[in-house]
């Protein structure tokens, strides 16, 4: 997890930001015999969660519920492996084929709070009410829950401020769930909710992998010296989960309390959000990414057989670019951000359906589109701890 870095590009190649799965182990070949039944090959599939996630272990429903709030300055949710998905806010189910739980072998991840508290039936029902301010994903159960990154911090489950500990414990800030499956592909379906709160069925989408899938929401950059961004993110997580937890980080500077977004008596000025200069840099990077895709499409249009679909692609790109150019100095609002993500999703679908495009051109275009992850901001503060609850 990167800490305290300066703002970098907001649209980067996924391979640069560590979102590629191409280096994962290749799919094992399935053996067959003309005299014996085909044996089902079992694969190892990992779901890596990055961002402001809280989890509910639901023993009654035999599932894990992952929930994250929509936060201004953070990216939209994306699932990334060989290809990518950009689902809007809503309630989803991630289906794995022939899934089996993998037993825990490594030390358990330490979530906040130390002892998971029970989520009330009312809070769970509220959490799973599809809304335009959250992402909720149902996952299969597994015993294998492994910390990827952990950060030293302290938390309080009673009152603010957080008492400074003599020795800080490390709590998980990025986590992986491992499964045994019959396939390395997954399917996402459910109910999506647009910016106006209108619910509609999410068209089931498949995502192929080579054994690892990122389920990510990139944090906003934070140039403060008080970890205000991580604290503000944790406050939003608490609001979603209807909990009252507070967090603080070394060096536990009391002078940071007045700007701490968690402080009920503070100024509230330390949310760690982006300033105008940061938004300007982000906008410039987004436009640069669009220009790369535009130039590639123009090259394809030189082939007479690809001229017509290339013109259609360029028209769609022009609409996306026009939307980005309309972002204000204060940065895109949630509606503008969703419009941008939706435009890329529709563009990808359009390219895949264009039979007039040569297969090699179509595959290359999809790869370029998939490599453009909107609002993937390096230099981000990812220290907000992940929370765990139980539903006995």
Protein backbone atom coordinates (compact mmCIF):
# COMPACT_ATOMS: atom_id res chain seq x y z
CA UNK A 1 0.00 0.00 0.00
CA UNK A 2 1.49 3.31 -0.99
CA UNK A 3 1.67 6.05 1.61
CA UNK A 4 1.98 9.81 1.42
CA UNK A 5 3.00 10.03 -2.19
CA UNK A 6 2.27 12.98 -4.42
CA UNK A 7 -0.59 12.84 -6.91
CA UNK A 8 0.14 10.98 -10.11
CA UNK A 9 -1.96 10.25 -13.14
CA UNK A 10 -5.59 9.42 -12.59
CA UNK A 11 -5.82 7.19 -15.61
CA UNK A 12 -2.92 4.80 -15.91
CA UNK A 13 -2.18 1.57 -17.65
CA UNK A 14 -3.41 -1.24 -15.47
CA UNK A 15 -0.08 -3.05 -15.79
CA UNK A 16 1.67 -0.04 -14.25
CA UNK A 17 -0.67 0.14 -11.27
CA UNK A 18 -0.32 -3.53 -10.47
CA UNK A 19 -3.77 -4.50 -11.74
CA UNK A 20 -2.54 -7.08 -14.26
CA UNK A 21 -3.06 -10.76 -13.87
CA UNK A 22 -0.91 -11.70 -16.86
CA UNK A 23 1.93 -12.86 -14.60
CA UNK A 24 -0.33 -15.26 -12.72
CA UNK A 25 0.16 -18.97 -13.25
CA UNK A 26 -1.23 -20.23 -16.52
CA UNK A 27 -4.37 -22.33 -16.56
CA UNK A 28 -3.58 -25.99 -16.11
CA UNK A 29 -4.63 -28.21 -18.97
CA UNK A 30 -7.52 -30.60 -18.40
CA UNK A 31 -6.74 -34.28 -18.87
CA UNK A 32 -9.14 -36.51 -20.74
CA UNK A 33 -9.32 -40.16 -21.60
CA UNK A 34 -11.34 -42.05 -24.15
CA UNK A 35 -11.87 -44.90 -21.68
CA UNK A 36 -12.43 -43.04 -18.41
CA UNK A 37 -14.76 -40.18 -17.40
CA UNK A 38 -13.31 -36.72 -17.61
CA UNK A 39 -11.90 -35.55 -14.26
CA UNK A 40 -12.83 -32.08 -13.12
CA UNK A 41 -9.76 -29.90 -12.73
CA UNK A 42 -9.73 -27.76 -9.60
CA UNK A 43 -8.20 -24.30 -9.82
CA UNK A 44 -7.11 -21.80 -7.22
CA UNK A 45 -8.92 -18.46 -7.57
CA UNK A 46 -8.15 -15.39 -5.46
CA UNK A 47 -10.27 -12.27 -5.01
CA UNK A 48 -8.12 -9.33 -3.89
CA UNK A 49 -10.05 -6.49 -2.25
CA UNK A 50 -8.54 -3.01 -2.27
CA UNK A 51 -10.37 0.06 -0.96
CA UNK A 52 -12.78 1.01 1.84
CA UNK A 53 -14.29 -2.45 2.30
CA UNK A 54 -16.21 -3.90 5.22
CA UNK A 55 -17.14 -7.56 5.38
CA UNK A 56 -19.93 -9.54 7.03
CA UNK A 57 -19.46 -13.26 7.62
CA UNK A 58 -23.01 -14.52 7.25
CA UNK A 59 -23.10 -18.08 8.59
CA UNK A 60 -26.86 -18.21 8.14
CA UNK A 61 -26.70 -17.37 4.45
CA UNK A 62 -23.39 -19.23 3.97
CA UNK A 63 -21.81 -16.22 2.31
CA UNK A 64 -19.50 -13.25 2.80
CA UNK A 65 -20.94 -9.80 2.17
CA UNK A 66 -18.49 -7.12 0.98
CA UNK A 67 -19.68 -3.51 1.25
CA UNK A 68 -18.07 -0.18 0.38
CA UNK A 69 -19.41 3.39 0.31
CA UNK A 70 -19.28 5.64 -2.73
CA UNK A 71 -16.85 8.40 -1.73
CA UNK A 72 -16.17 11.61 -3.62
CA UNK A 73 -12.57 11.64 -4.82
CA UNK A 74 -12.31 7.85 -4.85
CA UNK A 75 -12.60 5.79 -8.00
CA UNK A 76 -15.64 3.84 -9.03
CA UNK A 77 -15.58 0.10 -8.34
CA UNK A 78 -13.76 -1.98 -10.91
CA UNK A 79 -13.04 -5.69 -11.23
CA UNK A 80 -9.85 -6.31 -13.12
CA UNK A 81 -8.07 -9.39 -14.42
CA UNK A 82 -7.60 -10.40 -18.08
CA UNK A 83 -10.40 -7.94 -18.82
CA UNK A 84 -12.32 -5.57 -16.56
CA UNK A 85 -15.81 -4.68 -15.34
CA UNK A 86 -17.01 -1.28 -14.10
CA UNK A 87 -20.32 -1.92 -12.33
CA UNK A 88 -22.26 1.08 -10.99
CA UNK A 89 -23.44 1.27 -7.39
CA UNK A 90 -25.86 -1.47 -6.42
CA UNK A 91 -26.29 -4.94 -4.94
CA UNK A 92 -24.44 -7.78 -6.68
CA UNK A 93 -23.60 -11.47 -6.48
CA UNK A 94 -20.23 -12.77 -7.65
CA UNK A 95 -20.72 -16.38 -8.79
CA UNK A 96 -17.83 -18.85 -8.91
CA UNK A 97 -18.25 -22.19 -10.69
CA UNK A 98 -17.95 -25.36 -8.61
CA UNK A 99 -16.64 -23.33 -5.70
CA UNK A 100 -15.25 -24.89 -2.53
CA UNK A 101 -13.94 -23.18 0.59
CA UNK A 102 -10.17 -23.35 1.10
CA UNK A 103 -8.99 -24.03 4.66
CA UNK A 104 -7.02 -21.39 6.50
CA UNK A 105 -3.29 -22.12 6.67
CA UNK A 106 -1.61 -18.77 7.33
CA UNK A 107 -2.05 -16.46 10.34
CA UNK A 108 -5.52 -14.85 10.29
CA UNK A 109 -5.92 -11.29 9.08
CA UNK A 110 -6.51 -8.77 11.89
CA UNK A 111 -9.58 -6.67 11.11
CA UNK A 112 -11.11 -3.78 13.03
CA UNK A 113 -12.56 -4.44 15.55
CA UNK A 114 -10.33 -7.11 17.11
CA UNK A 115 -13.38 -9.21 18.01
CA UNK A 116 -15.97 -9.03 15.22
CA UNK A 117 -19.27 -7.68 16.49
CA UNK A 118 -22.65 -8.96 15.38
CA UNK A 119 -24.45 -6.84 12.83
CA UNK A 120 -28.08 -6.29 13.74
CA UNK A 121 -30.80 -7.70 11.44
CA UNK A 122 -31.99 -4.15 10.77
CA UNK A 123 -28.51 -2.93 9.86
CA UNK A 124 -27.98 -5.92 7.55
CA UNK A 125 -31.31 -5.33 5.82
CA UNK A 126 -30.46 -1.64 5.44
CA UNK A 127 -27.03 -2.49 4.05
CA UNK A 128 -28.53 -4.75 1.40
CA UNK A 129 -31.11 -2.21 0.29
CA UNK A 130 -29.71 -1.31 -3.12
CA UNK A 131 -28.87 2.39 -3.14
CA UNK A 132 -26.78 4.82 -5.18
CA UNK A 133 -24.31 5.46 -2.36
CA UNK A 134 -22.77 1.99 -1.98
CA UNK A 135 -21.43 -1.18 -3.54
CA UNK A 136 -22.52 -4.48 -1.97
CA UNK A 137 -21.23 -7.83 -3.28
CA UNK A 138 -22.22 -11.32 -2.11
CA UNK A 139 -19.34 -13.80 -2.16
CA UNK A 140 -19.12 -17.53 -1.40
CA UNK A 141 -17.82 -18.54 2.00
CA UNK A 142 -14.17 -19.46 2.46
CA UNK A 143 -11.90 -20.01 5.43
CA UNK A 144 -8.88 -18.67 3.58
CA UNK A 145 -8.79 -14.95 4.34
CA UNK A 146 -5.29 -13.52 4.06
CA UNK A 147 -3.92 -10.04 4.71
CA UNK A 148 -2.04 -8.57 1.75
CA UNK A 149 -1.09 -5.29 3.44
CA UNK A 150 -1.41 -4.18 7.06
CA UNK A 151 -0.72 -0.82 8.68
CA UNK A 152 0.01 0.19 12.29
CA UNK A 153 -2.85 2.10 13.91
CA UNK A 154 -5.14 2.32 16.91
CA UNK A 155 -8.92 2.41 17.12
CA UNK A 156 -11.60 3.20 19.66
CA UNK A 157 -15.06 1.67 19.81
CA UNK A 158 -16.39 4.05 22.42
CA UNK A 159 -15.45 7.68 22.03
CA UNK A 160 -13.24 10.24 20.32
CA UNK A 161 -10.27 10.84 20.49
CA UNK A 162 -8.52 7.52 20.13
CA UNK A 163 -6.19 6.84 23.10
CA UNK A 164 -2.60 6.62 21.93
CA UNK A 165 -1.31 3.07 22.51
CA UNK A 166 2.07 2.19 23.96
CA UNK A 167 2.55 -0.12 20.97
CA UNK A 168 0.58 0.04 17.73
CA UNK A 169 -0.95 -3.13 16.28
CA UNK A 170 -1.07 -3.68 12.54
CA UNK A 171 -4.53 -4.08 10.94
CA UNK A 172 -5.35 -5.31 7.45
CA UNK A 173 -5.81 -2.66 4.75
CA UNK A 174 -5.87 -5.02 1.76
CA UNK A 175 -7.16 -8.59 1.83
CA UNK A 176 -7.46 -11.68 -0.36
CA UNK A 177 -10.07 -14.46 -0.34
CA UNK A 178 -8.97 -17.79 -1.82
CA UNK A 179 -11.24 -20.47 -3.30
CA UNK A 180 -11.02 -23.80 -5.07
CA UNK A 181 -13.13 -23.73 -8.26
CA UNK A 182 -13.94 -25.64 -11.42
CA UNK A 183 -13.30 -22.53 -13.52
CA UNK A 184 -11.14 -19.40 -13.35
CA UNK A 185 -13.99 -17.30 -14.76
CA UNK A 186 -16.57 -15.52 -12.58
CA UNK A 187 -19.99 -14.00 -13.25
CA UNK A 188 -21.36 -10.77 -11.78
CA UNK A 189 -25.08 -10.08 -11.70
CA UNK A 190 -27.55 -8.23 -9.49
CA UNK A 191 -29.31 -4.87 -9.24
CA UNK A 192 -27.67 -1.61 -10.30
CA UNK A 193 -28.71 1.84 -9.10
CA UNK A 194 -28.11 4.99 -11.13
CA UNK A 195 -27.31 8.46 -9.84
CA UNK A 196 -31.01 9.25 -9.44
CA UNK A 197 -31.64 6.15 -7.34
CA UNK A 198 -33.42 4.27 -10.14
CA UNK A 199 -32.94 0.50 -9.81
CA UNK A 200 -32.65 -1.87 -12.75
CA UNK A 201 -31.33 -5.40 -13.38
CA UNK A 202 -27.60 -5.54 -14.05
CA UNK A 203 -26.94 -7.49 -17.22
CA UNK A 204 -24.83 -10.47 -16.09
CA UNK A 205 -21.21 -10.00 -17.05
CA UNK A 206 -18.43 -12.59 -17.10
CA UNK A 207 -14.82 -11.92 -16.22
CA UNK A 208 -12.03 -14.29 -17.18
CA UNK A 209 -8.88 -14.63 -15.14
CA UNK A 210 -5.72 -16.66 -14.73
CA UNK A 211 -6.28 -17.15 -11.02
CA UNK A 212 -6.47 -13.66 -9.50
CA UNK A 213 -9.07 -10.87 -9.72
CA UNK A 214 -8.75 -7.37 -8.27
CA UNK A 215 -11.93 -5.98 -6.73
CA UNK A 216 -10.84 -2.41 -6.23
CA UNK A 217 -11.80 1.15 -5.34
CA UNK A 218 -8.83 3.48 -5.53
CA UNK A 219 -8.48 6.06 -2.78
CA UNK A 220 -8.18 9.78 -3.22
CA UNK A 221 -4.67 11.23 -2.82
CA UNK A 222 -3.83 12.67 0.56
CA UNK A 223 -1.05 15.22 0.96
CA UNK A 224 -1.84 15.95 4.61
CA UNK A 225 0.54 15.04 7.42
CA UNK A 226 -2.33 13.80 9.58
CA UNK A 227 -3.70 10.94 7.46
CA UNK A 228 -6.91 12.91 7.03
CA UNK A 229 -7.85 10.99 3.89
CA UNK A 230 -7.73 7.61 5.62
CA UNK A 231 -9.64 9.00 8.61
CA UNK A 232 -12.32 10.51 6.39
CA UNK A 233 -12.64 7.25 4.49
CA UNK A 234 -13.05 5.33 7.75
CA UNK A 235 -15.76 7.76 8.82
CA UNK A 236 -17.70 7.01 5.62
CA UNK A 237 -17.30 3.27 6.22
CA UNK A 238 -18.77 3.70 9.70
CA UNK A 239 -21.73 5.60 8.33
CA UNK A 240 -22.48 2.79 5.88
CA UNK A 241 -22.14 0.02 8.48
CA UNK A 242 -24.02 2.01 11.17
CA UNK A 243 -21.12 1.72 13.61
CA UNK A 244 -19.28 4.12 15.86
CA UNK A 245 -15.58 3.40 15.54
CA UNK A 246 -12.69 5.86 15.38
CA UNK A 247 -9.16 5.39 14.09
CA UNK A 248 -5.81 7.15 14.48
CA UNK A 249 -2.26 6.58 13.24
CA UNK A 250 1.27 7.08 14.56
CA UNK A 251 2.47 9.54 15.67
CA UNK A 252 -0.96 10.20 17.24
CA UNK A 253 -0.42 13.95 17.04
CA UNK A 254 -3.03 15.77 19.15
CA UNK A 255 -2.61 18.81 16.89
CA UNK A 256 -4.24 16.79 14.09
CA UNK A 257 -7.48 16.40 16.01
CA UNK A 258 -8.86 19.82 15.10
CA UNK A 259 -8.81 18.94 11.38
CA UNK A 260 -9.74 15.25 11.85
CA UNK A 261 -12.96 14.56 9.88
CA UNK A 262 -13.93 12.07 12.61
CA UNK A 263 -13.83 14.73 15.34
CA UNK A 264 -17.43 15.73 16.15
CA UNK A 265 -16.11 19.05 17.46
CA UNK A 266 -13.49 19.60 14.78
CA UNK A 267 -13.40 22.03 11.89
CA UNK A 268 -14.17 19.29 9.37
CA UNK A 269 -11.63 20.77 6.98
CA UNK A 270 -9.35 17.77 6.80
CA UNK A 271 -11.26 15.35 4.59
CA UNK A 272 -8.19 14.69 2.50
CA UNK A 273 -10.04 15.57 -0.69
CA UNK A 274 -8.36 16.81 -3.81
CA UNK A 275 -7.68 20.47 -4.38
CA UNK A 276 -8.14 22.29 -7.68
CA UNK A 277 -4.55 21.67 -8.77
CA UNK A 278 -4.93 17.94 -8.15
CA UNK A 279 -8.20 17.81 -10.07
CA UNK A 280 -6.59 19.70 -12.95
CA UNK A 281 -3.78 17.14 -13.08
CA UNK A 282 -6.31 14.30 -13.00
CA UNK A 283 -8.36 15.84 -15.81
CA UNK A 284 -5.24 16.29 -17.92
CA UNK A 285 -4.26 12.65 -17.41
CA UNK A 286 -7.74 11.41 -18.31
CA UNK A 287 -7.68 13.42 -21.54
CA UNK A 288 -4.23 12.05 -22.34
CA UNK A 289 -5.56 8.51 -21.95
CA UNK A 290 -8.45 9.29 -24.26
CA UNK A 291 -6.06 10.78 -26.80
CA UNK A 292 -4.05 7.55 -26.84
CA UNK A 293 -7.18 5.55 -27.64
CA UNK A 294 -8.28 8.12 -30.21
CA UNK A 295 -4.93 8.01 -32.04
CA UNK A 296 -4.98 4.21 -32.12
CA UNK A 297 -8.49 4.25 -33.62
CA UNK A 298 -7.46 6.79 -36.25
CA UNK A 299 -4.67 4.45 -37.31
CA UNK A 300 -7.20 1.65 -37.70
CA UNK A 301 -9.43 3.85 -39.87
CA UNK A 302 -6.72 3.85 -42.54
CA UNK A 303 -7.70 0.26 -43.29
CA UNK A 304 -10.68 0.54 -45.69
CA UNK A 305 -12.35 -2.49 -44.11
CA UNK A 306 -12.28 -0.80 -40.69
CA UNK A 307 -13.20 2.72 -41.74
CA UNK A 308 -16.91 2.57 -40.84
CA UNK A 309 -16.58 1.04 -37.34
CA UNK A 310 -13.62 3.33 -36.63
CA UNK A 311 -15.79 6.38 -37.33
CA UNK A 312 -18.41 5.06 -34.91
CA UNK A 313 -15.76 4.48 -32.23
CA UNK A 314 -14.33 7.97 -32.72
CA UNK A 315 -17.82 9.45 -32.35
CA UNK A 316 -18.30 7.66 -29.03
CA UNK A 317 -14.86 8.75 -27.90
CA UNK A 318 -15.75 12.34 -28.81
CA UNK A 319 -18.80 12.17 -26.52
CA UNK A 320 -16.72 10.81 -23.65
CA UNK A 321 -14.07 13.48 -24.23
CA UNK A 322 -16.71 16.22 -24.28
CA UNK A 323 -17.95 15.03 -20.89
CA UNK A 324 -14.45 15.10 -19.40
CA UNK A 325 -13.77 18.57 -20.79
CA UNK A 326 -16.89 19.71 -18.92
CA UNK A 327 -15.53 18.71 -15.52
CA UNK A 328 -15.33 21.80 -13.27
CA UNK A 329 -12.26 22.94 -11.34
CA UNK A 330 -13.70 21.31 -8.24
CA UNK A 331 -13.58 17.95 -10.00
CA UNK A 332 -16.25 15.70 -11.52
CA UNK A 333 -19.32 15.06 -9.43
CA UNK A 334 -20.69 11.54 -9.00
CA UNK A 335 -22.99 11.88 -12.01
CA UNK A 336 -20.09 12.94 -14.27
CA UNK A 337 -17.89 10.17 -12.97
CA UNK A 338 -20.60 7.56 -13.57
CA UNK A 339 -21.20 8.93 -17.06
CA UNK A 340 -17.51 8.50 -17.79
CA UNK A 341 -17.46 4.89 -16.53
CA UNK A 342 -20.71 4.09 -18.36
CA UNK A 343 -19.31 5.52 -21.58
CA UNK A 344 -16.30 3.23 -21.39
CA UNK A 345 -18.49 0.19 -20.67
CA UNK A 346 -20.71 0.95 -23.65
CA UNK A 347 -17.70 1.60 -25.87
CA UNK A 348 -16.22 -1.77 -24.95
CA UNK A 349 -19.47 -3.56 -25.75
CA UNK A 350 -19.75 -1.71 -29.05
CA UNK A 351 -16.23 -2.77 -30.09
CA UNK A 352 -16.86 -6.41 -29.20
CA UNK A 353 -20.04 -6.50 -31.31
CA UNK A 354 -18.49 -4.94 -34.42
CA UNK A 355 -18.08 -7.94 -36.71
CA UNK A 356 -16.74 -5.69 -39.47
CA UNK A 357 -13.61 -5.09 -37.39
CA UNK A 358 -10.82 -7.55 -37.99
CA UNK A 359 -10.39 -9.83 -35.01
CA UNK A 360 -6.86 -8.60 -34.33
CA UNK A 361 -8.02 -4.95 -34.40
CA UNK A 362 -10.99 -5.71 -32.16
CA UNK A 363 -8.83 -7.55 -29.62
CA UNK A 364 -6.26 -4.76 -29.57
CA UNK A 365 -8.95 -2.10 -29.09
CA UNK A 366 -10.49 -4.03 -26.21
CA UNK A 367 -7.07 -4.38 -24.61
CA UNK A 368 -6.45 -0.64 -24.86
CA UNK A 369 -9.89 0.10 -23.40
CA UNK A 370 -9.38 -2.40 -20.58
CA UNK A 371 -6.02 -0.88 -19.77
CA UNK A 372 -7.64 2.49 -19.12
CA UNK A 373 -8.82 2.35 -15.51
CA UNK A 374 -10.66 5.59 -14.70
CA UNK A 375 -9.59 7.48 -11.61
CA UNK A 376 -6.86 5.05 -10.73
CA UNK A 377 -4.86 7.50 -8.64
CA UNK A 378 -1.35 6.63 -7.53
CA UNK A 379 0.07 8.54 -4.60
CA UNK A 380 -3.05 7.55 -2.67
CA UNK A 381 -3.43 6.99 1.05
CA UNK A 382 -4.73 3.44 1.52
CA UNK A 383 -4.34 3.16 5.28
CA UNK A 384 -8.01 2.99 6.17
CA UNK A 385 -8.46 -0.37 7.94
CA UNK A 386 -10.95 -2.96 6.73
CA UNK A 387 -13.78 -3.92 9.09
CA UNK A 388 -15.28 -7.33 9.84
CA UNK A 389 -18.68 -8.18 11.31
CA UNK A 390 -20.61 -11.41 11.82
CA UNK A 391 -24.19 -12.51 11.34
CA UNK A 392 -24.47 -15.71 13.45
